[in-house]
Amino acid sequence: MGAIEETSDEAVRVLSDVDVSGVLDTLRATPPAPRAQRSGHVVNISSEAAEPPLRLQSGADAAERVEAEPDLVRRELDRWRHVALSTGVAETVR
């Protein structure tokens, strides 16, 4: 871990090989038909929808996480409300 200027050429090469090889291995492991089918699904949604989603949740697990998010945020706010309120800027009196 370090700034690119401080990293040796060999370390950068190894990291690049791992990144590129990992992507290529993943692509090779996925048969072309399902890969194209999934990609086509996303392209169709984003290019044909009048208002495409900003974030598309794919799969039941993703939908469940999004549905649970408001509860998580509420619990976190309830726990840290005193800190949130203590850092507010006082409104200016008109």
N, C-alpha and C. Protein backbone atom coordinates (compact mmCIF):
# COMPACT_ATOMS: atom_id res chain seq x y z
N MET A 1 0.86 -1.17 0.00
CA MET A 1 0.00 0.00 0.00
C MET A 1 0.90 1.23 0.00
N GLY A 2 0.65 2.13 -0.88
CA GLY A 2 1.45 3.34 -0.92
C GLY A 2 1.13 4.15 -2.16
N ALA A 3 1.76 5.32 -2.22
CA ALA A 3 1.56 6.17 -3.38
C ALA A 3 2.19 5.50 -4.60
N ILE A 4 1.62 5.74 -5.75
CA ILE A 4 2.12 5.10 -6.97
C ILE A 4 3.58 5.45 -7.20
N GLU A 5 3.97 6.66 -6.82
CA GLU A 5 5.36 7.07 -7.01
C GLU A 5 6.32 6.29 -6.12
N GLU A 6 5.81 5.75 -5.03
CA GLU A 6 6.64 5.03 -4.07
C GLU A 6 6.62 3.52 -4.30
N THR A 7 5.82 3.06 -5.25
CA THR A 7 5.65 1.63 -5.49
C THR A 7 6.60 1.18 -6.60
N SER A 8 7.22 0.04 -6.38
CA SER A 8 8.17 -0.47 -7.39
C SER A 8 7.43 -0.91 -8.64
N ASP A 9 8.15 -0.91 -9.76
CA ASP A 9 7.57 -1.37 -11.02
C ASP A 9 7.07 -2.80 -10.89
N GLU A 10 7.84 -3.63 -10.19
CA GLU A 10 7.46 -5.04 -10.03
C GLU A 10 6.14 -5.16 -9.26
N ALA A 11 5.99 -4.38 -8.18
CA ALA A 11 4.75 -4.44 -7.39
C ALA A 11 3.55 -4.00 -8.21
N VAL A 12 3.71 -2.97 -9.01
CA VAL A 12 2.62 -2.49 -9.85
C VAL A 12 2.26 -3.55 -10.88
N ARG A 13 3.28 -4.21 -11.48
CA ARG A 13 3.04 -5.26 -12.46
C ARG A 13 2.28 -6.43 -11.84
N VAL A 14 2.68 -6.83 -10.64
CA VAL A 14 2.01 -7.95 -9.96
C VAL A 14 0.56 -7.60 -9.69
N LEU A 15 0.33 -6.40 -9.16
CA LEU A 15 -1.04 -5.97 -8.86
C LEU A 15 -1.88 -5.90 -10.13
N SER A 16 -1.32 -5.37 -11.20
CA SER A 16 -2.05 -5.29 -12.47
C SER A 16 -2.38 -6.67 -12.98
N ASP A 17 -1.41 -7.60 -12.90
CA ASP A 17 -1.65 -8.96 -13.36
C ASP A 17 -2.77 -9.61 -12.57
N VAL A 18 -2.80 -9.39 -11.27
CA VAL A 18 -3.85 -9.97 -10.43
C VAL A 18 -5.20 -9.39 -10.81
N ASP A 19 -5.28 -8.06 -10.97
CA ASP A 19 -6.55 -7.41 -11.33
C ASP A 19 -7.06 -7.90 -12.68
N VAL A 20 -6.20 -7.86 -13.69
CA VAL A 20 -6.60 -8.24 -15.04
C VAL A 20 -6.90 -9.73 -15.10
N SER A 21 -6.04 -10.53 -14.50
CA SER A 21 -6.25 -11.99 -14.52
C SER A 21 -7.55 -12.35 -13.81
N GLY A 22 -7.84 -11.69 -12.70
CA GLY A 22 -9.07 -11.97 -11.97
C GLY A 22 -10.30 -11.70 -12.80
N VAL A 23 -10.30 -10.58 -13.52
CA VAL A 23 -11.43 -10.24 -14.38
C VAL A 23 -11.55 -11.25 -15.51
N LEU A 24 -10.42 -11.56 -16.13
CA LEU A 24 -10.46 -12.53 -17.24
C LEU A 24 -10.90 -13.90 -16.78
N ASP A 25 -10.41 -14.34 -15.62
CA ASP A 25 -10.81 -15.65 -15.09
C ASP A 25 -12.31 -15.68 -14.83
N THR A 26 -12.85 -14.58 -14.29
CA THR A 26 -14.28 -14.52 -14.01
C THR A 26 -15.08 -14.58 -15.31
N LEU A 27 -14.63 -13.86 -16.32
CA LEU A 27 -15.33 -13.88 -17.61
C LEU A 27 -15.27 -15.25 -18.25
N ARG A 28 -14.12 -15.91 -18.14
CA ARG A 28 -14.00 -17.24 -18.71
C ARG A 28 -14.88 -18.25 -17.97
N ALA A 29 -15.04 -18.05 -16.66
CA ALA A 29 -15.82 -18.99 -15.85
C ALA A 29 -17.31 -18.88 -16.12
N THR A 30 -17.75 -17.74 -16.65
CA THR A 30 -19.18 -17.53 -16.93
C THR A 30 -19.43 -17.84 -18.41
N PRO A 31 -20.26 -18.81 -18.70
CA PRO A 31 -20.54 -19.13 -20.11
C PRO A 31 -21.09 -17.91 -20.84
N PRO A 32 -20.76 -17.76 -22.13
CA PRO A 32 -21.17 -16.58 -22.89
C PRO A 32 -22.67 -16.32 -22.91
N ALA A 33 -23.51 -17.35 -23.02
CA ALA A 33 -24.96 -17.11 -23.12
C ALA A 33 -25.52 -16.43 -21.88
N PRO A 34 -25.28 -16.95 -20.66
CA PRO A 34 -25.82 -16.27 -19.49
C PRO A 34 -25.21 -14.88 -19.31
N ARG A 35 -23.92 -14.74 -19.64
CA ARG A 35 -23.26 -13.44 -19.50
C ARG A 35 -23.94 -12.44 -20.42
N ALA A 36 -24.19 -12.80 -21.66
CA ALA A 36 -24.85 -11.91 -22.61
C ALA A 36 -26.28 -11.64 -22.19
N GLN A 37 -26.94 -12.67 -21.68
CA GLN A 37 -28.33 -12.52 -21.26
C GLN A 37 -28.43 -11.49 -20.13
N ARG A 38 -27.57 -11.60 -19.14
CA ARG A 38 -27.61 -10.65 -18.02
C ARG A 38 -27.27 -9.25 -18.50
N SER A 39 -26.24 -9.12 -19.31
CA SER A 39 -25.86 -7.81 -19.82
C SER A 39 -26.98 -7.21 -20.64
N GLY A 40 -27.60 -8.00 -21.49
CA GLY A 40 -28.70 -7.51 -22.31
C GLY A 40 -29.84 -7.01 -21.46
N HIS A 41 -30.10 -7.67 -20.37
CA HIS A 41 -31.18 -7.26 -19.47
C HIS A 41 -30.92 -5.86 -18.93
N VAL A 42 -29.73 -5.61 -18.48
CA VAL A 42 -29.39 -4.29 -17.94
C VAL A 42 -29.42 -3.24 -19.04
N VAL A 43 -28.87 -3.57 -20.20
CA VAL A 43 -28.86 -2.61 -21.31
C VAL A 43 -30.28 -2.28 -21.72
N ASN A 44 -31.15 -3.28 -21.83
CA ASN A 44 -32.53 -3.02 -22.21
C ASN A 44 -33.22 -2.11 -21.21
N ILE A 45 -33.00 -2.33 -19.94
CA ILE A 45 -33.63 -1.49 -18.94
C ILE A 45 -33.12 -0.06 -19.03
N SER A 46 -31.82 0.10 -19.15
CA SER A 46 -31.27 1.45 -19.13
C SER A 46 -31.48 2.20 -20.44
N SER A 47 -31.57 1.49 -21.55
CA SER A 47 -31.71 2.21 -22.82
C SER A 47 -33.15 2.34 -23.29
N GLU A 48 -34.04 1.50 -22.79
CA GLU A 48 -35.42 1.54 -23.27
C GLU A 48 -36.40 2.16 -22.28
N ALA A 49 -36.03 2.23 -21.02
CA ALA A 49 -36.95 2.77 -20.03
C ALA A 49 -36.99 4.29 -20.13
N ALA A 50 -38.18 4.85 -19.99
CA ALA A 50 -38.32 6.31 -20.02
C ALA A 50 -37.57 6.93 -18.84
N GLU A 51 -37.65 6.29 -17.69
CA GLU A 51 -36.94 6.75 -16.50
C GLU A 51 -36.18 5.56 -15.91
N PRO A 52 -34.98 5.28 -16.42
CA PRO A 52 -34.24 4.11 -15.90
C PRO A 52 -33.88 4.32 -14.43
N PRO A 53 -33.77 3.25 -13.68
CA PRO A 53 -33.45 3.38 -12.26
C PRO A 53 -32.03 3.91 -12.07
N LEU A 54 -31.85 4.73 -11.05
CA LEU A 54 -30.51 5.21 -10.72
C LEU A 54 -29.67 4.05 -10.21
N ARG A 55 -30.28 3.20 -9.40
CA ARG A 55 -29.63 2.00 -8.89
C ARG A 55 -30.57 0.83 -9.13
N LEU A 56 -30.09 -0.18 -9.84
CA LEU A 56 -30.91 -1.35 -10.13
C LEU A 56 -30.50 -2.48 -9.20
N GLN A 57 -31.39 -2.89 -8.34
CA GLN A 57 -31.12 -4.01 -7.45
C GLN A 57 -31.40 -5.28 -8.22
N SER A 58 -30.41 -6.14 -8.30
CA SER A 58 -30.56 -7.40 -9.02
C SER A 58 -30.54 -8.55 -8.04
N GLY A 59 -31.62 -9.27 -7.97
CA GLY A 59 -31.70 -10.44 -7.10
C GLY A 59 -32.44 -10.15 -5.81
N ALA A 60 -32.97 -11.21 -5.22
CA ALA A 60 -33.75 -11.09 -3.98
C ALA A 60 -32.89 -10.58 -2.85
N ASP A 61 -31.62 -10.99 -2.79
CA ASP A 61 -30.76 -10.54 -1.69
C ASP A 61 -30.54 -9.04 -1.74
N ALA A 62 -30.38 -8.47 -2.93
CA ALA A 62 -30.20 -7.03 -3.07
C ALA A 62 -31.48 -6.29 -2.67
N ALA A 63 -32.62 -6.80 -3.11
CA ALA A 63 -33.90 -6.17 -2.76
C ALA A 63 -34.11 -6.18 -1.25
N GLU A 64 -33.78 -7.29 -0.61
CA GLU A 64 -33.94 -7.39 0.84
C GLU A 64 -33.04 -6.40 1.57
N ARG A 65 -31.81 -6.23 1.09
CA ARG A 65 -30.89 -5.28 1.74
C ARG A 65 -31.42 -3.85 1.62
N VAL A 66 -31.95 -3.51 0.45
CA VAL A 66 -32.49 -2.16 0.26
C VAL A 66 -33.71 -1.95 1.15
N GLU A 67 -34.56 -2.96 1.24
CA GLU A 67 -35.75 -2.84 2.08
C GLU A 67 -35.40 -2.71 3.56
N ALA A 68 -34.29 -3.29 3.98
CA ALA A 68 -33.87 -3.22 5.38
C ALA A 68 -33.15 -1.91 5.70
N GLU A 69 -32.69 -1.20 4.69
CA GLU A 69 -31.89 0.01 4.90
C GLU A 69 -32.59 1.08 5.74
N PRO A 70 -33.86 1.41 5.49
CA PRO A 70 -34.49 2.45 6.32
C PRO A 70 -34.48 2.09 7.82
N ASP A 71 -34.69 0.81 8.14
CA ASP A 71 -34.65 0.39 9.54
C ASP A 71 -33.26 0.57 10.13
N LEU A 72 -32.25 0.22 9.36
CA LEU A 72 -30.87 0.37 9.82
C LEU A 72 -30.54 1.84 10.06
N VAL A 73 -30.92 2.69 9.12
CA VAL A 73 -30.66 4.13 9.26
C VAL A 73 -31.40 4.70 10.46
N ARG A 74 -32.64 4.29 10.68
CA ARG A 74 -33.43 4.77 11.82
C ARG A 74 -32.78 4.36 13.15
N ARG A 75 -32.37 3.08 13.24
CA ARG A 75 -31.72 2.61 14.48
C ARG A 75 -30.42 3.38 14.75
N GLU A 76 -29.67 3.62 13.69
CA GLU A 76 -28.42 4.36 13.85
C GLU A 76 -28.69 5.80 14.28
N LEU A 77 -29.69 6.44 13.67
CA LEU A 77 -30.04 7.80 14.06
C LEU A 77 -30.50 7.83 15.51
N ASP A 78 -31.35 6.90 15.90
CA ASP A 78 -31.82 6.86 17.28
C ASP A 78 -30.66 6.73 18.26
N ARG A 79 -29.69 5.91 17.90
CA ARG A 79 -28.53 5.71 18.79
C ARG A 79 -27.63 6.94 18.87
N TRP A 80 -27.49 7.66 17.76
CA TRP A 80 -26.55 8.78 17.70
C TRP A 80 -27.25 10.14 17.59
N ARG A 81 -28.56 10.19 17.88
CA ARG A 81 -29.32 11.44 17.76
C ARG A 81 -28.68 12.58 18.57
N HIS A 82 -28.24 12.28 19.78
CA HIS A 82 -27.65 13.33 20.62
C HIS A 82 -26.43 13.97 19.95
N VAL A 83 -25.65 13.18 19.25
CA VAL A 83 -24.47 13.74 18.56
C VAL A 83 -24.92 14.53 17.34
N ALA A 84 -25.86 13.97 16.57
CA ALA A 84 -26.35 14.66 15.38
C ALA A 84 -26.92 16.03 15.74
N LEU A 85 -27.71 16.09 16.80
CA LEU A 85 -28.34 17.36 17.20
C LEU A 85 -27.34 18.33 17.79
N SER A 86 -26.30 17.81 18.42
CA SER A 86 -25.31 18.71 19.05
C SER A 86 -24.40 19.37 18.04
N THR A 87 -24.37 18.89 16.80
CA THR A 87 -23.48 19.46 15.80
C THR A 87 -24.20 20.38 14.83
N GLY A 88 -25.48 20.62 15.04
CA GLY A 88 -26.23 21.48 14.13
C GLY A 88 -25.82 22.94 14.28
N VAL A 89 -26.03 23.68 13.22
CA VAL A 89 -25.73 25.11 13.24
C VAL A 89 -27.02 25.83 13.58
N ALA A 90 -26.95 26.75 14.56
CA ALA A 90 -28.13 27.49 14.99
C ALA A 90 -28.68 28.31 13.82
N GLU A 91 -30.01 28.34 13.72
CA GLU A 91 -30.62 29.14 12.67
C GLU A 91 -30.45 30.62 13.00
N THR A 92 -30.30 31.42 11.97
CA THR A 92 -30.15 32.86 12.12
C THR A 92 -31.53 33.47 12.36
N VAL A 93 -31.63 34.33 13.36
CA VAL A 93 -32.90 35.01 13.65
C VAL A 93 -33.06 36.13 12.64
N ARG A 94 -34.24 36.21 12.02
CA ARG A 94 -34.48 37.27 11.03
C ARG A 94 -35.08 38.47 11.67
